Amino acid sequence: MIRDELFKMQDKEYRDFQAKLIPGKTVDVMIGVRTPDLRKYAKELVKKKEYESFLKNLPHDYFDEDQLHAFIISELKDYDECIEYVKAFLPYVDNWATCDQMSPKVFKKNKEKLLEEIKVWIKSDKTYTIRFGIGMLMQYFLDEDFKKEYLKWVSEIKSEEYYVNMMIAWYFATALAKQYESTISYIEKQKLDKWTHNKTIQKSVESYRITDDQKKYLRSLKVK
């Protein structure tokens, strides 16, 4: 049984440390399996094709099971299978770590299909579904597949949730690093709410990919 295997890899000191990093999680719902071990186990399960019943058994009881779930999904090589498991799992994702560590490799070769899913995710009413959608837009659509309209999509997301707004700031800070000329007007015209606007600037000036002149200008755009 997969849970039994996870408990064999348990590190209680790591569990206690990790519980302090994940809001809403306590040691009662954490086993304490280190990330490299979870990734390795996920690859083994995918290779042996011993993951189907586990992925369908939702919700999980332990944070580590959610993490393993995310890592298994990330290893799946068939896009249609992967996206169905992603859509089934997203409603149960309840923390930033599981959300951010789920990054299916197969998405890279299926960007056109992925973009249609992103449009749906960023309009969800679930915090981590929105965050995941923004994260995928940031990961796959800020380089050669970038379009200015994607900035507008993210700027129009309105939320009271910290983990959504932090991801919006992260997205725009990355966009400033990669697509500065297209992105800077969103800061100049204050198209984001005050907190997200200032957090975007903060994250940008901490980036080595932003020039000193750009950092100086961005600091001047901070809203007091």
Foldseek 3Di string as FASTA:
>chain_A
DVVVVQLVQADVVQLCVVQVVWPPRDSVQERHHDPVVLLVVLVVCVVVVNCVVLLVDPDDRHPSSLQSNLSNLQADQDVVVSVVSVVVCQVVDDTDVSLLSRHRPNCQVVVVVLLVCLLVQCPDPDLSSNLSSLNVCQVRALAPNDDLVVLVSLLPRDDPDPSSLLSSLVSLLSSCLRPVVSRVVCLVVVSHPQVSSQSNLVSNLVDPSADPVRNVVSVVSRDD
